[in-house]
């Protein structure tokens, strides 16, 4: 992948951002897992609605956290391969970004419906700002995947 091409430079910039974002996400998940194992409490960086999280939602959040951890690891691995070895394979990117975007959408819908967004608009606004660059990265990856499929 040529770093002289503006598209490639932008792709690498977004990819590195995704790697940093997923590394931080993985640290938050690891911290939450550690606290859960040691105290039984589930710390959640995004604040709950004023009435708290429903007991029915907790297992769902835990399952999403596990899936998010897998997507984060795959994303970090893909960034390392791209930056260190200058190799690009769209398949792990599509899988990692697909999981991350799906999880984010489900999380957004669930937390919005619970009233958490209205109770804590700044916290959820910050999440949107940090996560927003993932959408153009996914579109870029899909464009590359579409071109390579037609070439083979």
Foldseek 3Di string as FASTA:
>chain_A
DDCVDPLVVVLLVLLVLLLVVLVVLLVLLVVQVVCCVVPVDGDDQQDAAPVGDDPVCVVVVVVLSVLSNVLSVLSNVQSCCCPVVVDHDLVSVLVSLVSVVVSVVVVVVVRVVRVSCVRPVVSVVVVCVSCVSSVVSNVSSVVVVVVVVVVD
